C-alpha atoms as a PDB file:
ATOM      1  CA  MET A   1     -42.101  -3.076  36.194  1.00  0.00           C
ATOM      2  CA  ALA A   2     -38.533  -3.672  37.298  1.00  0.00           C
ATOM      3  CA  THR A   3     -36.133  -1.305  38.107  1.00  0.00           C
ATOM      4  CA  THR A   4     -32.426  -1.627  39.053  1.00  0.00           C
ATOM      5  CA  ASP A   5     -31.268  -0.156  42.366  1.00  0.00           C
ATOM      6  CA  SER A   6     -27.925   1.558  41.649  1.00  0.00           C
ATOM      7  CA  LYS A   7     -26.794   1.030  44.955  1.00  0.00           C
ATOM      8  CA  ASP A   8     -26.314  -2.954  45.073  1.00  0.00           C
ATOM      9  CA  GLY A   9     -27.271  -3.856  41.475  1.00  0.00           C
ATOM     10  CA  GLU A  10     -30.565  -5.256  42.436  1.00  0.00           C
ATOM     11  CA  GLU A  11     -33.799  -5.265  40.905  1.00  0.00           C
ATOM     12  CA  LYS A  12     -37.106  -3.763  42.766  1.00  0.00           C
ATOM     13  CA  GLN A  13     -40.714  -3.890  41.802  1.00  0.00           C
ATOM     14  CA  ALA A  14     -42.491  -0.393  41.173  1.00  0.00           C
ATOM     15  CA  ARG A  15     -44.500   0.493  44.090  1.00  0.00           C
ATOM     16  CA  ILE A  16     -48.569  -0.300  43.756  1.00  0.00           C
ATOM     17  CA  ASN A  17     -50.490   2.817  43.440  1.00  0.00           C
ATOM     18  CA  ILE A  18     -52.717   3.909  46.351  1.00  0.00           C
ATOM     19  CA  SER A  19     -56.338   2.608  44.989  1.00  0.00           C
ATOM     20  CA  THR A  20     -54.564  -0.739  44.443  1.00  0.00           C
ATOM     21  CA  ALA A  21     -53.036  -0.795  47.910  1.00  0.00           C
ATOM     22  CA  MET A  22     -56.692  -0.156  49.580  1.00  0.00           C
ATOM     23  CA  ARG A  23     -58.011  -2.647  47.632  1.00  0.00           C
ATOM     24  CA  LYS A  24     -55.437  -5.371  48.673  1.00  0.00           C
ATOM     25  CA  ALA A  25     -55.226  -3.980  52.434  1.00  0.00           C
ATOM     26  CA  ALA A  26     -58.982  -4.823  52.601  1.00  0.00           C
ATOM     27  CA  GLY A  27     -59.046  -8.002  50.530  1.00  0.00           C
ATOM     28  CA  GLN A  28     -56.003  -9.729  52.204  1.00  0.00           C
ATOM     29  CA  LEU A  29     -57.192  -9.060  55.762  1.00  0.00           C
ATOM     30  CA  ALA A  30     -61.036 -10.155  54.592  1.00  0.00           C
ATOM     31  CA  GLU A  31     -59.279 -13.728  53.581  1.00  0.00           C
ATOM     32  CA  LEU A  32     -57.511 -13.847  56.897  1.00  0.00           C
ATOM     33  CA  LEU A  33     -60.339 -12.825  59.069  1.00  0.00           C
ATOM     34  CA  ARG A  34     -63.193 -14.800  56.961  1.00  0.00           C
ATOM     35  CA  CYS A  35     -65.074 -11.486  56.885  1.00  0.00           C
ATOM     36  CA  GLU A  36     -65.990  -8.491  55.075  1.00  0.00           C
ATOM     37  CA  PRO A  37     -64.308  -5.437  55.862  1.00  0.00           C
ATOM     38  CA  SER A  38     -66.826  -2.131  55.941  1.00  0.00           C
ATOM     39  CA  SER A  39     -64.185   0.514  55.001  1.00  0.00           C
ATOM     40  CA  VAL A  40     -60.784   1.303  54.834  1.00  0.00           C
ATOM     41  CA  SER A  41     -60.207   4.391  57.315  1.00  0.00           C
ATOM     42  CA  ALA A  42     -56.821   5.142  56.845  1.00  0.00           C
ATOM     43  CA  LEU A  43     -54.002   4.582  54.077  1.00  0.00           C
ATOM     44  CA  LYS A  44     -50.516   5.860  54.362  1.00  0.00           C
ATOM     45  CA  ALA A  45     -47.350   5.250  52.146  1.00  0.00           C
ATOM     46  CA  THR A  46     -44.260   4.001  54.135  1.00  0.00           C
ATOM     47  CA  GLU A  47     -40.432   3.600  53.614  1.00  0.00           C
ATOM     48  CA  ASP A  48     -41.375  -0.026  52.472  1.00  0.00           C
ATOM     49  CA  GLY A  49     -44.906  -0.456  51.538  1.00  0.00           C
ATOM     50  CA  TRP A  50     -47.939   0.929  52.821  1.00  0.00           C
ATOM     51  CA  THR A  51     -50.183   0.843  56.181  1.00  0.00           C
ATOM     52  CA  ALA A  52     -53.857   0.839  56.046  1.00  0.00           C
ATOM     53  CA  ASP A  53     -56.483   1.176  58.874  1.00  0.00           C
ATOM     54  CA  VAL A  54     -59.309  -1.572  58.122  1.00  0.00           C
ATOM     55  CA  GLU A  55     -62.549  -1.127  59.767  1.00  0.00           C
ATOM     56  CA  VAL A  56     -64.541  -4.834  60.291  1.00  0.00           C
ATOM     57  CA  VAL A  57     -67.477  -5.913  61.802  1.00  0.00           C
ATOM     58  CA  GLU A  58     -66.466  -8.310  64.285  1.00  0.00           C
ATOM     59  CA  ILE A  59     -69.911  -9.241  66.151  1.00  0.00           C
ATOM     60  CA  GLU A  60     -73.169  -8.308  64.348  1.00  0.00           C
ATOM     61  CA  LYS A  61     -75.941  -7.583  66.367  1.00  0.00           C
ATOM     62  CA  ILE A  62     -79.525  -6.021  66.644  1.00  0.00           C
ATOM     63  CA  PRO A  63     -79.649  -3.454  66.163  1.00  0.00           C
ATOM     64  CA  ASP A  64     -76.585  -2.626  63.920  1.00  0.00           C
ATOM     65  CA  THR A  65     -75.530   0.224  65.868  1.00  0.00           C
ATOM     66  CA  THR A  66     -74.420  -2.187  68.644  1.00  0.00           C
ATOM     67  CA  SER A  67     -72.411  -4.303  66.503  1.00  0.00           C
ATOM     68  CA  VAL A  68     -68.935  -5.095  67.408  1.00  0.00           C
ATOM     69  CA  MET A  69     -66.328  -3.293  64.981  1.00  0.00           C
ATOM     70  CA  ALA A  70     -62.640  -3.132  65.240  1.00  0.00           C
ATOM     71  CA  SER A  71     -60.004  -1.645  63.443  1.00  0.00           C
ATOM     72  CA  TYR A  72     -56.770  -3.419  62.199  1.00  0.00           C
ATOM     73  CA  ARG A  73     -53.781  -1.648  60.948  1.00  0.00           C
ATOM     74  CA  VAL A  74     -52.247  -3.997  57.962  1.00  0.00           C
ATOM     75  CA  SER A  75     -49.056  -3.675  56.648  1.00  0.00           C
ATOM     76  CA  LEU A  76     -48.030  -4.387  52.652  1.00  0.00           C
ATOM     77  CA  ASP A  77     -44.733  -4.354  51.095  1.00  0.00           C
ATOM     78  CA  GLY A  78     -44.317  -2.282  48.216  1.00  0.00           C
ATOM     79  CA  GLN A  79     -45.942  -4.793  45.937  1.00  0.00           C
ATOM     80  CA  GLY A  80     -49.146  -5.065  47.784  1.00  0.00           C
ATOM     81  CA  GLN A  81     -48.268  -8.357  49.852  1.00  0.00           C
ATOM     82  CA  LEU A  82     -49.653  -8.355  53.497  1.00  0.00           C
ATOM     83  CA  VAL A  83     -46.741  -8.645  55.942  1.00  0.00           C
ATOM     84  CA  GLY A  84     -48.512  -7.889  59.207  1.00  0.00           C
ATOM     85  CA  TYR A  85     -51.444  -7.240  60.969  1.00  0.00           C
ATOM     86  CA  GLU A  86     -52.813  -6.040  64.273  1.00  0.00           C
ATOM     87  CA  ARG A  87     -56.118  -5.157  65.982  1.00  0.00           C
ATOM     88  CA  ILE A  88     -55.728  -1.711  67.112  1.00  0.00           C
ATOM     89  CA  ARG A  89     -59.457  -1.186  68.441  1.00  0.00           C
ATOM     90  CA  ARG A  90     -62.755  -2.306  69.243  1.00  0.00           C
ATOM     91  CA  TYR A  91     -65.957  -0.598  69.565  1.00  0.00           C
ATOM     92  CA  SER A  92     -69.757  -0.192  69.339  1.00  0.00           C
ATOM     93  CA  ARG A  93     -70.730   0.845  65.643  1.00  0.00           C
ATOM     94  CA  GLY A  94     -72.880   3.655  66.951  1.00  0.00           C
ATOM     95  CA  GLN A  95     -70.151   4.960  69.191  1.00  0.00           C
ATOM     96  CA  VAL A  96     -68.718   8.338  67.877  1.00  0.00           C
ATOM     97  CA  ASP A  97     -65.029   9.695  68.401  1.00  0.00           C
ATOM     98  CA  ARG A  98     -64.677  12.599  70.201  1.00  0.00           C
END
């Protein structure tokens, strides 16, 4: 659905909803990293779109509580296209935040 911006006459697409943003953030990161995300731990609307923190298993170990996890911050535009990502943290799966 397109809307017209009254300031400059440009057409803009309506922002995707939060559940779609969550699926797109995880899916596009999985495609880039070639591994399946474990979860989306945070999702926030921004002026330009969405940011999401996505948890990924980077190194699988036995027992799985010693596997190495990573948090990635993913940025999406308003239509859900990936515009950037960065790893913000690495930790052991069994580690508890204090």
